[in-house]
Amino acid sequence: MVKEIKKLLTPTNIIFLIALILIISLGNFLRFKNYAVIPHPGETADEYGFAWAGLSLIKEGIPESWSGVESVTRAKGSAAIPYKNIEKEKINVDNIYDNEPTRPPFSIAKPWFDKPPGFALLVGGYSYLKGAREYIQTGVGIIRRPMVRLAVLTTVLLFILATRLFSKWVGLLSALLYSVVPTAVISSRLAMAENGYIPIFLGALILMDYYLKKKKEIYLTLAAILAALAILFKLSGISVLLSLLLVLALYHPKKDKLKKLTKTFLIGISGLIAFFVYGAIIDWKVFMDVFVAQSNLFYGAGADILFSVIIRNSIADFFTSGWILLGWISAFIISFSEWKKERGSTIITIALMSYLIVFLFFGSEGYGWYRFPFIPFLIISIS
């Protein structure tokens, strides 16, 4: 044990550790500075929606929140409205109606099944612990705090993944860019489910890398459990499971490959099964009505959508950055030049392509936060 500690405490490792601590501190400072001002409060009502769903679930055992399903189904020309119990309310959280009197009221649905409950419980639970009992008390000053703190974990995991797949220098540069690039800093402040499962995504890939190198079953099991958890944050989190399956299919020895793929799939898909069980316990009919309505809102995938993923790099409505375009250029270079030649580049490509497939299927509308899970992998590609 003493020898192992001495090996770790080399001058080089100590310098890297100090550098990483300084980078994380810088990133934490930049994220906390004006975090409740930029992005503007109310720019996306989904932030409040997650908090309200979690808060009501904790208080009453039934999720209630703002729903965008009604407006989207109407916009798509569908006559079927999945929620029968919708109330219009002007909840003046963060004084949004004082600043914007003509803002439409929130469509409050009970029970609320727009999203799985995982991320809602995280944000709502934090709000509850901080004393919030009413929806108006869940301002961005509260609900964004856990996101800023979660970004520290994301930075550490990004460093670990990039270091394992490439080198310490790539890991350190990735952590630095994630801590100072405006797109990464500002986007990670938002209380959105994508920011919740980004560290889960990174953690699952780290565990998969450990499994492939050490062949210890516990790493594969934990990676699959994280994939299940990602689905409980948002259905697009199934991209984590897809990534794990593709990495296994490509790098696992032929012996027991099918067995490991089956195990990973069954554990990972349990997150989706748990979501259905959750819906059945609360209100099966409403749950299925909402699920079917959202299933019918496939946005379609085409060259224009793919082009917008690369070119449109907005976080919300007001902020764009060229760093993401640089990331995509870098990703294309390493994907075409190093596919199957370098395992690190191949795994990053798999992660990007897995989420791109899910993005095109679930969320090819122009919402900036749908693009957040691309950011860590694009940052590594630049590094």
Protein backbone atom coordinates (compact mmCIF):
# COMPACT_ATOMS: atom_id res chain seq x y z
CA MET A 1 0.00 0.00 0.00
CA VAL A 2 2.80 2.43 0.93
CA LYS A 3 4.63 1.67 -2.34
CA GLU A 4 1.47 2.28 -4.34
CA ILE A 5 0.92 5.64 -2.62
CA LYS A 6 4.53 6.63 -3.34
CA LYS A 7 4.02 5.76 -7.01
CA LEU A 8 0.99 8.04 -7.11
CA LEU A 9 2.69 10.89 -5.29
CA THR A 10 5.25 11.61 -7.97
CA PRO A 11 6.13 15.26 -8.71
CA THR A 12 4.33 15.02 -12.06
CA ASN A 13 1.14 13.65 -10.53
CA ILE A 14 1.20 16.28 -7.78
CA ILE A 15 1.55 19.04 -10.39
CA PHE A 16 -1.35 17.59 -12.38
CA LEU A 17 -3.48 17.37 -9.23
CA ILE A 18 -2.77 20.99 -8.30
CA ALA A 19 -3.50 22.08 -11.88
CA LEU A 20 -6.78 20.14 -11.87
CA ILE A 21 -7.85 21.70 -8.56
CA LEU A 22 -7.09 25.18 -9.90
CA ILE A 23 -9.03 24.47 -13.11
CA ILE A 24 -12.03 23.13 -11.19
CA SER A 25 -11.95 26.15 -8.88
CA LEU A 26 -11.85 28.50 -11.86
CA GLY A 27 -14.75 26.70 -13.53
CA ASN A 28 -16.76 26.76 -10.32
CA PHE A 29 -16.14 30.50 -9.95
CA LEU A 30 -17.19 31.24 -13.54
CA ARG A 31 -20.34 29.13 -13.26
CA PHE A 32 -21.45 30.71 -9.99
CA LYS A 33 -20.88 34.27 -11.21
CA ASN A 34 -24.31 35.64 -12.20
CA TYR A 35 -25.65 32.08 -12.50
CA ALA A 36 -29.17 33.28 -11.60
CA VAL A 37 -29.06 36.04 -14.22
CA ILE A 38 -27.61 34.34 -17.31
CA PRO A 39 -29.38 32.51 -18.91
CA HIS A 40 -32.33 34.78 -18.14
CA PRO A 41 -34.88 33.45 -15.63
CA GLY A 42 -37.89 32.02 -17.42
CA GLU A 43 -36.11 31.73 -20.76
CA THR A 44 -37.01 28.06 -20.62
CA ALA A 45 -39.99 27.16 -18.44
CA ASP A 46 -38.75 23.56 -18.31
CA GLU A 47 -36.41 24.57 -15.48
CA TYR A 48 -39.41 25.39 -13.31
CA GLY A 49 -41.29 22.37 -14.62
CA PHE A 50 -38.76 19.89 -13.26
CA ALA A 51 -38.65 21.63 -9.88
CA TRP A 52 -42.44 21.71 -9.55
CA ALA A 53 -42.83 18.06 -10.55
CA GLY A 54 -40.26 16.99 -7.97
CA LEU A 55 -41.65 19.24 -5.26
CA SER A 56 -45.24 18.00 -5.75
CA LEU A 57 -44.08 14.38 -5.92
CA ILE A 58 -42.30 14.79 -2.58
CA LYS A 59 -45.16 16.67 -0.92
CA GLU A 60 -48.19 14.79 -2.29
CA GLY A 61 -46.92 11.64 -3.97
CA ILE A 62 -48.39 12.80 -7.31
CA PRO A 63 -46.36 14.84 -9.83
CA GLU A 64 -47.87 18.14 -10.91
CA SER A 65 -46.15 20.61 -13.19
CA TRP A 66 -46.10 22.77 -16.26
CA SER A 67 -46.58 20.74 -19.41
CA GLY A 68 -45.62 21.59 -22.94
CA VAL A 69 -47.31 18.54 -24.46
CA GLU A 70 -50.62 20.32 -25.01
CA SER A 71 -49.12 23.24 -26.95
CA VAL A 72 -46.85 20.98 -28.99
CA THR A 73 -49.64 18.57 -29.96
CA ARG A 74 -51.80 21.50 -31.06
CA ALA A 75 -48.92 22.98 -33.04
CA LYS A 76 -48.42 19.64 -34.77
CA GLY A 77 -52.10 19.57 -35.74
CA SER A 78 -53.15 16.79 -33.38
CA ALA A 79 -56.63 16.95 -31.92
CA ALA A 80 -55.84 14.52 -29.12
CA ILE A 81 -54.81 16.25 -25.89
CA PRO A 82 -53.40 13.67 -23.47
CA TYR A 83 -54.00 15.69 -20.30
CA LYS A 84 -57.65 16.13 -19.37
CA ASN A 85 -56.92 18.06 -16.19
CA ILE A 86 -55.11 21.24 -17.24
CA GLU A 87 -55.24 24.47 -15.27
CA LYS A 88 -53.88 27.78 -16.49
CA GLU A 89 -51.91 29.63 -13.82
CA LYS A 90 -49.67 32.67 -13.77
CA ILE A 91 -47.06 31.64 -11.22
CA ASN A 92 -44.90 34.71 -10.74
CA VAL A 93 -41.70 32.86 -9.92
CA ASP A 94 -38.61 35.08 -10.38
CA ASN A 95 -41.09 37.93 -11.08
CA ILE A 96 -41.36 36.74 -14.67
CA TYR A 97 -44.87 38.18 -15.08
CA ASP A 98 -43.79 41.54 -13.67
CA ASN A 99 -41.07 41.68 -16.29
CA GLU A 100 -43.25 40.20 -19.05
CA PRO A 101 -46.97 40.86 -18.36
CA THR A 102 -48.12 39.38 -21.68
CA ARG A 103 -46.40 36.05 -21.03
CA PRO A 104 -48.89 33.16 -21.42
CA PRO A 105 -49.92 31.37 -18.21
CA PHE A 106 -48.44 28.00 -17.33
CA SER A 107 -50.45 24.93 -18.31
CA ILE A 108 -50.37 22.93 -15.07
CA ALA A 109 -51.08 19.20 -15.44
CA LYS A 110 -51.79 16.73 -12.65
CA PRO A 111 -50.55 14.02 -12.78
CA TRP A 112 -47.58 15.11 -14.90
CA PHE A 113 -45.83 12.56 -17.11
CA ASP A 114 -43.93 14.68 -19.63
CA LYS A 115 -40.62 13.27 -18.34
CA PRO A 116 -39.41 10.48 -16.04
CA PRO A 117 -39.18 11.47 -12.36
CA GLY A 118 -35.43 11.12 -11.74
CA PHE A 119 -34.24 14.63 -12.54
CA ALA A 120 -37.42 16.21 -11.16
CA LEU A 121 -36.73 14.55 -7.80
CA LEU A 122 -33.15 15.85 -7.87
CA VAL A 123 -34.13 19.48 -8.46
CA GLY A 124 -37.38 19.37 -6.49
CA GLY A 125 -35.68 17.55 -3.63
CA TYR A 126 -32.95 20.17 -3.44
CA SER A 127 -35.58 22.94 -3.47
CA TYR A 128 -37.49 21.18 -0.70
CA LEU A 129 -34.35 20.87 1.44
CA LYS A 130 -33.75 24.59 0.96
CA GLY A 131 -37.20 25.38 2.34
CA ALA A 132 -39.29 25.68 -0.83
CA ARG A 133 -42.87 24.49 -0.34
CA GLU A 134 -44.67 26.55 -2.99
CA TYR A 135 -43.90 26.76 -6.70
CA ILE A 136 -43.22 30.48 -6.51
CA GLN A 137 -40.32 29.73 -4.16
CA THR A 138 -38.43 27.67 -6.75
CA GLY A 139 -36.57 30.49 -8.45
CA VAL A 140 -33.48 29.90 -10.55
CA GLY A 141 -31.34 31.11 -7.64
CA ILE A 142 -32.25 27.83 -5.94
CA ILE A 143 -32.83 25.30 -8.72
CA ARG A 144 -29.61 26.11 -10.59
CA ARG A 145 -27.35 25.65 -7.58
CA PRO A 146 -27.23 21.84 -7.75
CA MET A 147 -26.43 22.12 -11.47
CA VAL A 148 -23.42 24.35 -10.80
CA ARG A 149 -22.21 21.91 -8.17
CA LEU A 150 -22.89 18.96 -10.45
CA ALA A 151 -20.70 20.63 -13.08
CA VAL A 152 -17.73 20.12 -10.74
CA LEU A 153 -18.36 16.37 -10.84
CA THR A 154 -18.77 16.54 -14.61
CA THR A 155 -15.39 18.30 -14.94
CA VAL A 156 -13.67 15.64 -12.82
CA LEU A 157 -15.29 12.80 -14.79
CA LEU A 158 -14.38 14.49 -18.07
CA PHE A 159 -10.76 14.67 -16.91
CA ILE A 160 -10.78 10.99 -15.91
CA LEU A 161 -12.37 9.80 -19.16
CA ALA A 162 -10.08 11.85 -21.41
CA THR A 163 -7.05 10.75 -19.38
CA ARG A 164 -7.96 7.07 -19.61
CA LEU A 165 -8.77 7.21 -23.31
CA PHE A 166 -5.89 9.47 -24.35
CA SER A 167 -3.45 11.04 -21.87
CA LYS A 168 -3.21 13.26 -18.79
CA TRP A 169 -2.51 16.26 -20.99
CA VAL A 170 -5.68 15.67 -23.00
CA GLY A 171 -7.56 15.18 -19.75
CA LEU A 172 -6.25 18.41 -18.28
CA LEU A 173 -6.95 20.42 -21.44
CA SER A 174 -10.47 18.95 -21.63
CA ALA A 175 -11.14 19.97 -18.02
CA LEU A 176 -9.77 23.46 -18.73
CA LEU A 177 -11.90 23.98 -21.84
CA TYR A 178 -15.03 22.69 -20.08
CA SER A 179 -14.31 25.19 -17.30
CA VAL A 180 -13.77 28.29 -19.43
CA VAL A 181 -15.53 27.87 -22.79
CA PRO A 182 -18.63 30.12 -22.49
CA THR A 183 -20.93 27.53 -24.11
CA ALA A 184 -19.98 24.89 -21.56
CA VAL A 185 -20.02 27.26 -18.59
CA ILE A 186 -23.39 28.88 -19.29
CA SER A 187 -25.19 25.76 -20.51
CA SER A 188 -24.24 23.79 -17.39
CA ARG A 189 -26.06 26.31 -15.19
CA LEU A 190 -29.51 25.38 -16.48
CA ALA A 191 -31.66 23.02 -14.42
CA MET A 192 -32.31 20.74 -17.37
CA ALA A 193 -32.34 16.93 -17.42
CA GLU A 194 -29.55 16.80 -19.98
CA ASN A 195 -27.20 18.42 -17.46
CA GLY A 196 -28.32 15.80 -14.97
CA TYR A 197 -27.34 12.79 -17.02
CA ILE A 198 -24.14 14.13 -18.63
CA PRO A 199 -22.04 13.02 -15.61
CA ILE A 200 -23.92 9.70 -15.69
CA PHE A 201 -22.95 9.32 -19.36
CA LEU A 202 -19.28 10.05 -18.60
CA GLY A 203 -19.29 7.78 -15.55
CA ALA A 204 -20.78 4.89 -17.51
CA LEU A 205 -18.08 5.17 -20.19
CA ILE A 206 -15.34 5.30 -17.55
CA LEU A 207 -16.70 2.13 -15.94
CA MET A 208 -16.95 0.43 -19.32
CA ASP A 209 -13.32 1.30 -20.01
CA TYR A 210 -12.35 -0.18 -16.63
CA TYR A 211 -14.31 -3.33 -17.48
CA LEU A 212 -12.65 -3.78 -20.86
CA LYS A 213 -9.18 -3.39 -19.33
CA LYS A 214 -9.60 -5.19 -16.00
CA LYS A 215 -12.35 -7.69 -16.96
CA LYS A 216 -14.04 -7.28 -13.58
CA GLU A 217 -17.81 -7.88 -13.78
CA ILE A 218 -18.64 -5.21 -11.20
CA TYR A 219 -17.58 -2.44 -13.59
CA LEU A 220 -19.92 -3.68 -16.31
CA THR A 221 -22.80 -4.02 -13.84
CA LEU A 222 -22.29 -0.49 -12.48
CA ALA A 223 -22.05 0.95 -16.01
CA ALA A 224 -25.36 -0.71 -16.93
CA ILE A 225 -26.99 0.59 -13.73
CA LEU A 226 -25.90 4.12 -14.66
CA ALA A 227 -27.45 3.61 -18.10
CA ALA A 228 -30.75 2.71 -16.41
CA LEU A 229 -30.50 5.79 -14.19
CA ALA A 230 -29.93 8.03 -17.23
CA ILE A 231 -33.24 6.85 -18.72
CA LEU A 232 -34.99 7.79 -15.46
CA PHE A 233 -33.64 11.32 -15.90
CA LYS A 234 -34.92 11.64 -19.47
CA LEU A 235 -35.80 9.14 -22.17
CA SER A 236 -33.04 10.50 -24.40
CA GLY A 237 -30.70 9.09 -21.76
CA ILE A 238 -31.12 5.78 -23.57
CA SER A 239 -28.16 7.04 -25.61
CA VAL A 240 -25.97 5.96 -22.67
CA LEU A 241 -27.18 2.38 -23.01
CA LEU A 242 -26.77 2.49 -26.78
CA SER A 243 -23.16 3.68 -26.36
CA LEU A 244 -22.34 0.89 -23.91
CA LEU A 245 -23.81 -1.75 -26.21
CA LEU A 246 -21.88 -0.47 -29.22
CA VAL A 247 -18.58 -0.30 -27.29
CA LEU A 248 -19.14 -3.85 -26.01
CA ALA A 249 -20.02 -5.11 -29.47
CA LEU A 250 -16.84 -3.60 -30.90
CA TYR A 251 -14.28 -4.34 -28.18
CA HIS A 252 -15.44 -7.32 -26.15
CA PRO A 253 -13.81 -10.66 -27.06
CA LYS A 254 -16.10 -13.04 -28.95
CA LYS A 255 -16.29 -15.35 -25.95
CA ASP A 256 -19.31 -14.38 -23.82
CA LYS A 257 -19.91 -11.26 -25.94
CA LEU A 258 -23.60 -12.04 -26.46
CA LYS A 259 -24.01 -12.84 -22.77
CA LYS A 260 -22.49 -9.50 -21.72
CA LEU A 261 -24.52 -7.59 -24.30
CA THR A 262 -27.71 -9.22 -23.04
CA LYS A 263 -26.87 -8.49 -19.42
CA THR A 264 -26.06 -4.84 -20.16
CA PHE A 265 -29.25 -4.40 -22.17
CA LEU A 266 -31.50 -5.97 -19.54
CA ILE A 267 -30.05 -3.93 -16.70
CA GLY A 268 -30.02 -0.73 -18.74
CA ILE A 269 -33.55 -1.06 -20.09
CA SER A 270 -34.84 -1.56 -16.54
CA GLY A 271 -34.82 2.24 -16.29
CA LEU A 272 -37.51 2.41 -18.97
CA ILE A 273 -39.46 -0.41 -17.31
CA ALA A 274 -39.27 1.46 -13.98
CA PHE A 275 -40.75 4.54 -15.69
CA PHE A 276 -43.70 2.47 -16.89
CA VAL A 277 -44.18 0.97 -13.42
CA TYR A 278 -44.14 4.51 -11.99
CA GLY A 279 -46.83 5.55 -14.47
CA ALA A 280 -48.94 2.48 -13.71
CA ILE A 281 -48.84 3.20 -9.97
CA ILE A 282 -49.95 6.82 -10.33
CA ASP A 283 -52.36 6.80 -13.31
CA TRP A 284 -51.88 4.29 -16.11
CA LYS A 285 -54.40 5.79 -18.53
CA VAL A 286 -53.03 9.34 -18.37
CA PHE A 287 -49.48 7.99 -18.51
CA MET A 288 -50.16 6.02 -21.68
CA ASP A 289 -52.09 8.91 -23.26
CA VAL A 290 -49.09 11.20 -22.70
CA PHE A 291 -46.58 8.56 -23.80
CA VAL A 292 -48.48 7.84 -27.03
CA ALA A 293 -48.96 11.57 -27.73
CA GLN A 294 -45.25 12.20 -27.35
CA SER A 295 -44.43 9.15 -29.46
CA ASN A 296 -46.44 10.68 -32.28
CA LEU A 297 -44.34 13.83 -32.17
CA PHE A 298 -41.39 12.37 -34.06
CA TYR A 299 -39.78 15.42 -35.61
CA GLY A 300 -38.03 13.67 -38.46
CA ALA A 301 -34.39 13.54 -39.40
CA GLY A 302 -32.96 15.10 -42.49
CA ALA A 303 -29.99 16.95 -43.84
CA ASP A 304 -31.38 20.26 -42.56
CA ILE A 305 -31.62 18.92 -39.01
CA LEU A 306 -28.12 17.45 -39.13
CA PHE A 307 -26.81 20.74 -40.49
CA SER A 308 -28.51 22.66 -37.65
CA VAL A 309 -26.87 20.41 -35.04
CA ILE A 310 -23.46 21.48 -36.29
CA ILE A 311 -24.12 25.10 -37.21
CA ARG A 312 -26.78 26.20 -34.69
CA ASN A 313 -24.94 26.23 -31.39
CA SER A 314 -27.32 28.28 -29.27
CA ILE A 315 -27.71 27.51 -25.57
CA ALA A 316 -31.06 29.20 -25.36
CA ASP A 317 -32.39 32.04 -27.46
CA PHE A 318 -29.60 34.54 -27.10
CA PHE A 319 -26.21 32.88 -26.90
CA THR A 320 -24.20 31.18 -29.63
CA SER A 321 -20.59 30.01 -29.79
CA GLY A 322 -18.07 28.94 -32.40
CA TRP A 323 -16.44 26.48 -30.01
CA ILE A 324 -19.04 23.82 -30.75
CA LEU A 325 -18.47 24.15 -34.50
CA LEU A 326 -14.74 23.68 -33.84
CA GLY A 327 -15.64 20.62 -31.76
CA TRP A 328 -17.62 19.06 -34.60
CA ILE A 329 -14.80 19.71 -37.06
CA SER A 330 -12.37 18.06 -34.65
CA ALA A 331 -14.77 15.16 -34.07
CA PHE A 332 -15.13 14.52 -37.79
CA ILE A 333 -11.35 14.54 -38.23
CA ILE A 334 -10.65 12.02 -35.48
CA SER A 335 -13.66 9.89 -36.46
CA PHE A 336 -12.62 9.48 -40.08
CA SER A 337 -8.89 9.23 -39.46
CA GLU A 338 -8.79 7.13 -36.28
CA TRP A 339 -11.92 4.94 -36.35
CA LYS A 340 -10.97 1.50 -34.99
CA LYS A 341 -7.29 2.51 -35.07
CA GLU A 342 -7.38 4.35 -31.74
CA ARG A 343 -9.77 3.07 -29.09
CA GLY A 344 -10.12 6.46 -27.41
CA SER A 345 -11.19 8.21 -30.60
CA THR A 346 -13.52 5.34 -31.49
CA ILE A 347 -15.29 5.44 -28.11
CA ILE A 348 -15.75 9.22 -28.35
CA THR A 349 -17.16 8.76 -31.85
CA ILE A 350 -19.55 6.07 -30.60
CA ALA A 351 -20.76 8.36 -27.78
CA LEU A 352 -21.34 11.26 -30.19
CA MET A 353 -23.07 9.12 -32.81
CA SER A 354 -25.23 7.35 -30.21
CA TYR A 355 -26.54 10.61 -28.87
CA LEU A 356 -26.90 12.03 -32.38
CA ILE A 357 -29.17 9.11 -33.31
CA VAL A 358 -31.28 9.67 -30.20
CA PHE A 359 -31.26 13.43 -30.73
CA LEU A 360 -32.61 13.07 -34.26
CA PHE A 361 -35.27 10.62 -33.10
CA PHE A 362 -36.42 12.31 -29.89
CA GLY A 363 -35.50 15.93 -30.10
CA SER A 364 -34.61 17.40 -33.43
CA GLU A 365 -36.48 20.59 -32.58
CA GLY A 366 -34.28 23.64 -32.17
CA TYR A 367 -34.00 23.65 -28.38
CA GLY A 368 -30.45 24.46 -27.33
CA TRP A 369 -30.44 22.18 -24.29
CA TYR A 370 -31.06 19.12 -26.48
CA ARG A 371 -27.48 19.65 -27.67
CA PHE A 372 -25.88 19.78 -24.21
CA PRO A 373 -24.80 16.07 -24.09
CA PHE A 374 -22.68 16.64 -27.20
CA ILE A 375 -20.54 19.25 -25.42
CA PRO A 376 -18.22 17.08 -23.24
CA PHE A 377 -17.35 14.80 -26.16
CA LEU A 378 -16.78 17.73 -28.50
CA ILE A 379 -14.52 19.29 -25.87
CA ILE A 380 -12.46 16.07 -25.75
CA SER A 381 -12.33 16.07 -29.56
CA ILE A 382 -10.86 19.60 -29.55
CA SER A 383 -8.32 18.61 -26.91
